[in-house]
């Protein structure tokens, strides 16, 4: 029903407006008495075989929602009714910022893909923390954190530490985002020396807390093998808990969408089906070269149960969806979980 009737209507709207319209409708439905329970009955798949224990956390199933969809933790309870095993909010920054100018989110239907240059638009970590205090669902929530656009890289550590301290009591794990292509200079933080300094600083802050929270690193798919080797070394040296592979790509080939249309869209990170192969390669490389030394959350181009199985067989311990959720609809989690169960 979604692909035939609902998606075509949403795709008549500009992509960012469709996103907020869809979430407003979901919130409205969930406010009708009894409808949240109905949504859970329709879209959740329960089975002990789906549970995963990682980082000291128990995930009801391995299918999560990637960061970027619910940047400000506005819809955690509503999204939880759709069966996600975990939801990653953000990317959040210490100060609120508007992000890049609109339009900044574009569909490539022929490729089942998106291009975005959102630019970490969010209301700030404190505002998200206030919302999380009021949430009712028990779904695992990750906090994806970054730096403000105007913060120079030399001062980036203070931004990440600020987000960590603000969100610490309200999220179950942290994802450190140094891989978005839409914040100028951010990817330079993926280089070994600055990245190790950043992660060690977060680990030191983590050790001072009453209970240590898992810290994961989200990496780009555009890293070379040499850079991936550095990532493996950095994970070992810093003692962080794992890697999320991968963020969006700046590559544009191969695509079915005419080159002129893609060029007209301009800069931004590409996600969806075209990213599937590369993200799987990165997952397999990390797992093989590290001798399975740390967990990896696989994300990139997961639209079907077959896509999910490919990531898991490559070594992913958990998976996340975003673009596939938009193209396949709310049944994507149940479809994947049913295949896995």
Foldseek 3Di string as FASTA:
>chain_A
DCQPPVLVVLVVDQVVVSLVVVLVVLVVQVPPPPRLVVLLVVAADADPLQWDQAQNDIFRHQEEADEPSAAQQPQPSSLVSLHHSEYEYHQAWAAADQFDDPPFWDDDVQQLKIFGLRGRHYHHLLNSQVNLVPDDDPRAYEYEYFYHLPDDLVCGLVGRVSSCVNCVVRHQAYEYDQAFPNRPPSVVCLDQPNVLVSLLSVVVVQVPDPHHHAYEYEHALPDDLVSLVSVLVSCVVSVGAYYEFYDFYQDCPDDPPDPVVVVVSPGGGMFAQVFLVSSLVSLLSNCVVNVNPHAYEGEGHDQALVSVVSSVVSPHSHYYYHSSCSNNHSNRNVRNVVVSD
